Amino acid sequence: MAENQLKTLEQKIDELIALCNDLNRENQALKSDSASWHSERQDLIDKNELARSKVAAMIDRLRTAE
């Protein structure tokens, strides 16, 4: 009986180890995705600011041309 319980416990521990490994891989993938999204967001913010400044410069030129 104790041998059976020990094998069951060992199997459950192995399953927990496998689950932890899977969760660690998933966590790393999510961290990588998050870093990628943050980088893309910053790029879009920078492009938006550049476009905004170009539009402001064009408006200023139009005002001085009047």
PDB file of N, CA and C in Angstrom:
ATOM      1  N   MET A   1       0.828  -1.200   0.000  1.00  0.00           N
ATOM      2  CA  MET A   1       0.000   0.000   0.000  1.00  0.00           C
ATOM      3  C   MET A   1       0.872   1.265   0.000  1.00  0.00           C
ATOM      4  N   ALA A   2       1.867   1.309   0.827  1.00  0.00           N
ATOM      5  CA  ALA A   2       2.736   2.475   0.907  1.00  0.00           C
ATOM      6  C   ALA A   2       3.490   2.659  -0.408  1.00  0.00           C
ATOM      7  N   GLU A   3       3.859   1.543  -1.038  1.00  0.00           N
ATOM      8  CA  GLU A   3       4.557   1.605  -2.324  1.00  0.00           C
ATOM      9  C   GLU A   3       3.657   2.249  -3.379  1.00  0.00           C
ATOM     10  N   ASN A   4       2.379   1.901  -3.360  1.00  0.00           N
ATOM     11  CA  ASN A   4       1.402   2.474  -4.281  1.00  0.00           C
ATOM     12  C   ASN A   4       1.238   3.970  -4.054  1.00  0.00           C
ATOM     13  N   GLN A   5       1.143   4.368  -2.812  1.00  0.00           N
ATOM     14  CA  GLN A   5       0.997   5.787  -2.471  1.00  0.00           C
ATOM     15  C   GLN A   5       2.246   6.569  -2.875  1.00  0.00           C
ATOM     16  N   LEU A   6       3.400   5.955  -2.692  1.00  0.00           N
ATOM     17  CA  LEU A   6       4.655   6.604  -3.055  1.00  0.00           C
ATOM     18  C   LEU A   6       4.730   6.826  -4.572  1.00  0.00           C
ATOM     19  N   LYS A   7       4.310   5.826  -5.333  1.00  0.00           N
ATOM     20  CA  LYS A   7       4.299   5.965  -6.793  1.00  0.00           C
ATOM     21  C   LYS A   7       3.305   7.029  -7.234  1.00  0.00           C
ATOM     22  N   THR A   8       2.154   7.076  -6.591  1.00  0.00           N
ATOM     23  CA  THR A   8       1.146   8.092  -6.906  1.00  0.00           C
ATOM     24  C   THR A   8       1.688   9.484  -6.600  1.00  0.00           C
ATOM     25  N   LEU A   9       2.328   9.621  -5.451  1.00  0.00           N
ATOM     26  CA  LEU A   9       2.918  10.900  -5.066  1.00  0.00           C
ATOM     27  C   LEU A   9       4.020  11.299  -6.049  1.00  0.00           C
ATOM     28  N   GLU A  10       4.848  10.367  -6.439  1.00  0.00           N
ATOM     29  CA  GLU A  10       5.921  10.632  -7.389  1.00  0.00           C
ATOM     30  C   GLU A  10       5.344  11.097  -8.733  1.00  0.00           C
ATOM     31  N   GLN A  11       4.276  10.448  -9.157  1.00  0.00           N
ATOM     32  CA  GLN A  11       3.631  10.828 -10.425  1.00  0.00           C
ATOM     33  C   GLN A  11       3.063  12.240 -10.340  1.00  0.00           C
ATOM     34  N   LYS A  12       2.437  12.563  -9.214  1.00  0.00           N
ATOM     35  CA  LYS A  12       1.870  13.903  -9.043  1.00  0.00           C
ATOM     36  C   LYS A  12       2.975  14.959  -9.008  1.00  0.00           C
ATOM     37  N   ILE A  13       4.083  14.636  -8.376  1.00  0.00           N
ATOM     38  CA  ILE A  13       5.211  15.567  -8.328  1.00  0.00           C
ATOM     39  C   ILE A  13       5.766  15.784  -9.736  1.00  0.00           C
ATOM     40  N   ASP A  14       5.889  14.711 -10.502  1.00  0.00           N
ATOM     41  CA  ASP A  14       6.356  14.828 -11.887  1.00  0.00           C
ATOM     42  C   ASP A  14       5.406  15.697 -12.714  1.00  0.00           C
ATOM     43  N   GLU A  15       4.115  15.531 -12.494  1.00  0.00           N
ATOM     44  CA  GLU A  15       3.132  16.350 -13.203  1.00  0.00           C
ATOM     45  C   GLU A  15       3.261  17.815 -12.808  1.00  0.00           C
ATOM     46  N   LEU A  16       3.488  18.073 -11.521  1.00  0.00           N
ATOM     47  CA  LEU A  16       3.678  19.454 -11.063  1.00  0.00           C
ATOM     48  C   LEU A  16       4.936  20.076 -11.661  1.00  0.00           C
ATOM     49  N   ILE A  17       6.001  19.305 -11.742  1.00  0.00           N
ATOM     50  CA  ILE A  17       7.248  19.796 -12.343  1.00  0.00           C
ATOM     51  C   ILE A  17       7.019  20.133 -13.813  1.00  0.00           C
ATOM     52  N   ALA A  18       6.313  19.264 -14.514  1.00  0.00           N
ATOM     53  CA  ALA A  18       6.022  19.514 -15.932  1.00  0.00           C
ATOM     54  C   ALA A  18       5.147  20.761 -16.082  1.00  0.00           C
ATOM     55  N   LEU A  19       4.163  20.914 -15.206  1.00  0.00           N
ATOM     56  CA  LEU A  19       3.298  22.085 -15.247  1.00  0.00           C
ATOM     57  C   LEU A  19       4.101  23.359 -14.972  1.00  0.00           C
ATOM     58  N   CYS A  20       4.993  23.314 -14.001  1.00  0.00           N
ATOM     59  CA  CYS A  20       5.849  24.472 -13.703  1.00  0.00           C
ATOM     60  C   CYS A  20       6.722  24.824 -14.898  1.00  0.00           C
ATOM     61  N   ASN A  21       7.275  23.833 -15.545  1.00  0.00           N
ATOM     62  CA  ASN A  21       8.092  24.077 -16.741  1.00  0.00           C
ATOM     63  C   ASN A  21       7.265  24.727 -17.849  1.00  0.00           C
ATOM     64  N   ASP A  22       6.055  24.212 -18.058  1.00  0.00           N
ATOM     65  CA  ASP A  22       5.165  24.792 -19.072  1.00  0.00           C
ATOM     66  C   ASP A  22       4.824  26.241 -18.728  1.00  0.00           C
ATOM     67  N   LEU A  23       4.518  26.491 -17.462  1.00  0.00           N
ATOM     68  CA  LEU A  23       4.167  27.841 -17.038  1.00  0.00           C
ATOM     69  C   LEU A  23       5.358  28.792 -17.159  1.00  0.00           C
ATOM     70  N   ASN A  24       6.552  28.314 -16.871  1.00  0.00           N
ATOM     71  CA  ASN A  24       7.746  29.142 -17.030  1.00  0.00           C
ATOM     72  C   ASN A  24       7.964  29.513 -18.491  1.00  0.00           C
ATOM     73  N   ARG A  25       7.789  28.550 -19.396  1.00  0.00           N
ATOM     74  CA  ARG A  25       7.925  28.836 -20.833  1.00  0.00           C
ATOM     75  C   ARG A  25       6.867  29.845 -21.286  1.00  0.00           C
ATOM     76  N   GLU A  26       5.643  29.636 -20.832  1.00  0.00           N
ATOM     77  CA  GLU A  26       4.567  30.556 -21.199  1.00  0.00           C
ATOM     78  C   GLU A  26       4.840  31.953 -20.638  1.00  0.00           C
ATOM     79  N   ASN A  27       5.324  32.032 -19.420  1.00  0.00           N
ATOM     80  CA  ASN A  27       5.645  33.307 -18.797  1.00  0.00           C
ATOM     81  C   ASN A  27       6.725  34.042 -19.585  1.00  0.00           C
ATOM     82  N   GLN A  28       7.751  33.323 -19.994  1.00  0.00           N
ATOM     83  CA  GLN A  28       8.818  33.938 -20.790  1.00  0.00           C
ATOM     84  C   GLN A  28       8.288  34.449 -22.125  1.00  0.00           C
ATOM     85  N   ALA A  29       7.413  33.674 -22.749  1.00  0.00           N
ATOM     86  CA  ALA A  29       6.822  34.097 -24.018  1.00  0.00           C
ATOM     87  C   ALA A  29       5.978  35.352 -23.818  1.00  0.00           C
ATOM     88  N   LEU A  30       5.215  35.408 -22.736  1.00  0.00           N
ATOM     89  CA  LEU A  30       4.392  36.584 -22.458  1.00  0.00           C
ATOM     90  C   LEU A  30       5.255  37.810 -22.166  1.00  0.00           C
ATOM     91  N   LYS A  31       6.352  37.615 -21.453  1.00  0.00           N
ATOM     92  CA  LYS A  31       7.264  38.730 -21.187  1.00  0.00           C
ATOM     93  C   LYS A  31       7.872  39.250 -22.484  1.00  0.00           C
ATOM     94  N   SER A  32       8.223  38.332 -23.358  1.00  0.00           N
ATOM     95  CA  SER A  32       8.780  38.722 -24.648  1.00  0.00           C
ATOM     96  C   SER A  32       7.748  39.492 -25.470  1.00  0.00           C
ATOM     97  N   ASP A  33       6.513  38.987 -25.497  1.00  0.00           N
ATOM     98  CA  ASP A  33       5.433  39.675 -26.213  1.00  0.00           C
ATOM     99  C   ASP A  33       5.202  41.063 -25.631  1.00  0.00           C
ATOM    100  N   SER A  34       5.213  41.156 -24.314  1.00  0.00           N
ATOM    101  CA  SER A  34       4.987  42.431 -23.645  1.00  0.00           C
ATOM    102  C   SER A  34       6.074  43.435 -24.015  1.00  0.00           C
ATOM    103  N   ALA A  35       7.313  42.989 -24.012  1.00  0.00           N
ATOM    104  CA  ALA A  35       8.423  43.881 -24.388  1.00  0.00           C
ATOM    105  C   ALA A  35       8.265  44.333 -25.832  1.00  0.00           C
ATOM    106  N   SER A  36       7.846  43.429 -26.690  1.00  0.00           N
ATOM    107  CA  SER A  36       7.638  43.762 -28.094  1.00  0.00           C
ATOM    108  C   SER A  36       6.525  44.797 -28.249  1.00  0.00           C
ATOM    109  N   TRP A  37       5.426  44.605 -27.521  1.00  0.00           N
ATOM    110  CA  TRP A  37       4.311  45.551 -27.595  1.00  0.00           C
ATOM    111  C   TRP A  37       4.721  46.923 -27.072  1.00  0.00           C
ATOM    112  N   HIS A  38       5.498  46.937 -25.993  1.00  0.00           N
ATOM    113  CA  HIS A  38       5.955  48.217 -25.442  1.00  0.00           C
ATOM    114  C   HIS A  38       6.859  48.940 -26.438  1.00  0.00           C
ATOM    115  N   SER A  39       7.722  48.196 -27.087  1.00  0.00           N
ATOM    116  CA  SER A  39       8.611  48.779 -28.082  1.00  0.00           C
ATOM    117  C   SER A  39       7.807  49.330 -29.260  1.00  0.00           C
ATOM    118  N   GLU A  40       6.853  48.559 -29.725  1.00  0.00           N
ATOM    119  CA  GLU A  40       6.009  49.013 -30.837  1.00  0.00           C
ATOM    120  C   GLU A  40       5.209  50.249 -30.439  1.00  0.00           C
ATOM    121  N   ARG A  41       4.701  50.256 -29.219  1.00  0.00           N
ATOM    122  CA  ARG A  41       3.939  51.410 -28.728  1.00  0.00           C
ATOM    123  C   ARG A  41       4.817  52.654 -28.714  1.00  0.00           C
ATOM    124  N   GLN A  42       6.047  52.513 -28.227  1.00  0.00           N
ATOM    125  CA  GLN A  42       6.948  53.663 -28.194  1.00  0.00           C
ATOM    126  C   GLN A  42       7.265  54.163 -29.601  1.00  0.00           C
ATOM    127  N   ASP A  43       7.464  53.239 -30.532  1.00  0.00           N
ATOM    128  CA  ASP A  43       7.703  53.623 -31.928  1.00  0.00           C
ATOM    129  C   ASP A  43       6.514  54.410 -32.483  1.00  0.00           C
ATOM    130  N   LEU A  44       5.301  53.951 -32.182  1.00  0.00           N
ATOM    131  CA  LEU A  44       4.111  54.647 -32.672  1.00  0.00           C
ATOM    132  C   LEU A  44       3.968  56.026 -32.028  1.00  0.00           C
ATOM    133  N   ILE A  45       4.294  56.123 -30.752  1.00  0.00           N
ATOM    134  CA  ILE A  45       4.245  57.420 -30.069  1.00  0.00           C
ATOM    135  C   ILE A  45       5.245  58.375 -30.720  1.00  0.00           C
ATOM    136  N   ASP A  46       6.450  57.883 -31.006  1.00  0.00           N
ATOM    137  CA  ASP A  46       7.472  58.712 -31.641  1.00  0.00           C
ATOM    138  C   ASP A  46       7.031  59.165 -33.028  1.00  0.00           C
ATOM    139  N   LYS A  47       6.467  58.253 -33.816  1.00  0.00           N
ATOM    140  CA  LYS A  47       5.994  58.610 -35.161  1.00  0.00           C
ATOM    141  C   LYS A  47       4.852  59.619 -35.085  1.00  0.00           C
ATOM    142  N   ASN A  48       3.965  59.441 -34.121  1.00  0.00           N
ATOM    143  CA  ASN A  48       2.850  60.358 -33.939  1.00  0.00           C
ATOM    144  C   ASN A  48       3.362  61.754 -33.586  1.00  0.00           C
ATOM    145  N   GLU A  49       4.339  61.829 -32.710  1.00  0.00           N
ATOM    146  CA  GLU A  49       4.909  63.122 -32.331  1.00  0.00           C
ATOM    147  C   GLU A  49       5.601  63.783 -33.518  1.00  0.00           C
ATOM    148  N   LEU A  50       6.310  63.004 -34.312  1.00  0.00           N
ATOM    149  CA  LEU A  50       6.964  63.544 -35.511  1.00  0.00           C
ATOM    150  C   LEU A  50       5.924  64.088 -36.489  1.00  0.00           C
ATOM    151  N   ALA A  51       4.861  63.328 -36.716  1.00  0.00           N
ATOM    152  CA  ALA A  51       3.797  63.778 -37.617  1.00  0.00           C
ATOM    153  C   ALA A  51       3.143  65.043 -37.069  1.00  0.00           C
ATOM    154  N   ARG A  52       2.931  65.096 -35.770  1.00  0.00           N
ATOM    155  CA  ARG A  52       2.313  66.265 -35.142  1.00  0.00           C
ATOM    156  C   ARG A  52       3.185  67.509 -35.349  1.00  0.00           C
ATOM    157  N   SER A  53       4.490  67.356 -35.175  1.00  0.00           N
ATOM    158  CA  SER A  53       5.380  68.511 -35.335  1.00  0.00           C
ATOM    159  C   SER A  53       5.452  68.952 -36.800  1.00  0.00           C
ATOM    160  N   LYS A  54       5.412  67.983 -37.725  1.00  0.00           N
ATOM    161  CA  LYS A  54       5.407  68.336 -39.144  1.00  0.00           C
ATOM    162  C   LYS A  54       4.131  69.088 -39.514  1.00  0.00           C
ATOM    163  N   VAL A  55       3.001  68.643 -39.009  1.00  0.00           N
ATOM    164  CA  VAL A  55       1.726  69.316 -39.285  1.00  0.00           C
ATOM    165  C   VAL A  55       1.748  70.717 -38.683  1.00  0.00           C
ATOM    166  N   ALA A  56       2.273  70.851 -37.470  1.00  0.00           N
ATOM    167  CA  ALA A  56       2.359  72.174 -36.834  1.00  0.00           C
ATOM    168  C   ALA A  56       3.252  73.104 -37.666  1.00  0.00           C
ATOM    169  N   ALA A  57       4.352  72.578 -38.188  1.00  0.00           N
ATOM    170  CA  ALA A  57       5.249  73.392 -39.017  1.00  0.00           C
ATOM    171  C   ALA A  57       4.550  73.812 -40.306  1.00  0.00           C
ATOM    172  N   MET A  58       3.780  72.925 -40.907  1.00  0.00           N
ATOM    173  CA  MET A  58       3.046  73.269 -42.124  1.00  0.00           C
ATOM    174  C   MET A  58       1.999  74.344 -41.840  1.00  0.00           C
ATOM    175  N   ILE A  59       1.330  74.235 -40.729  1.00  0.00           N
ATOM    176  CA  ILE A  59       0.320  75.231 -40.360  1.00  0.00           C
ATOM    177  C   ILE A  59       0.989  76.586 -40.168  1.00  0.00           C
ATOM    178  N   ASP A  60       2.138  76.589 -39.499  1.00  0.00           N
ATOM    179  CA  ASP A  60       2.870  77.848 -39.302  1.00  0.00           C
ATOM    180  C   ASP A  60       3.273  78.463 -40.650  1.00  0.00           C
ATOM    181  N   ARG A  61       3.749  77.639 -41.567  1.00  0.00           N
ATOM    182  CA  ARG A  61       4.128  78.147 -42.892  1.00  0.00           C
ATOM    183  C   ARG A  61       2.922  78.708 -43.634  1.00  0.00           C
ATOM    184  N   LEU A  62       1.777  78.037 -43.520  1.00  0.00           N
ATOM    185  CA  LEU A  62       0.563  78.523 -44.165  1.00  0.00           C
ATOM    186  C   LEU A  62       0.129  79.855 -43.558  1.00  0.00           C
ATOM    187  N   ARG A  63       0.249  79.984 -42.255  1.00  0.00           N
ATOM    188  CA  ARG A  63      -0.134  81.234 -41.595  1.00  0.00           C
ATOM    189  C   ARG A  63       0.773  82.378 -42.029  1.00  0.00           C
ATOM    190  N   THR A  64       2.060  82.101 -42.162  1.00  0.00           N
ATOM    191  CA  THR A  64       2.972  83.177 -42.572  1.00  0.00           C
ATOM    192  C   THR A  64       2.819  83.516 -44.053  1.00  0.00           C
ATOM    193  N   ALA A  65       2.291  82.612 -44.832  1.00  0.00           N
ATOM    194  CA  ALA A  65       2.091  82.850 -46.255  1.00  0.00           C
ATOM    195  C   ALA A  65       0.870  83.721 -46.512  1.00  0.00           C
ATOM    196  N   GLU A  66      -0.017  83.814 -45.539  1.00  0.00           N
ATOM    197  CA  GLU A  66      -1.251  84.588 -45.733  1.00  0.00           C
ATOM    198  C   GLU A  66      -1.012  86.029 -45.772  1.00  0.00           C
TER     199      GLU A  66
END
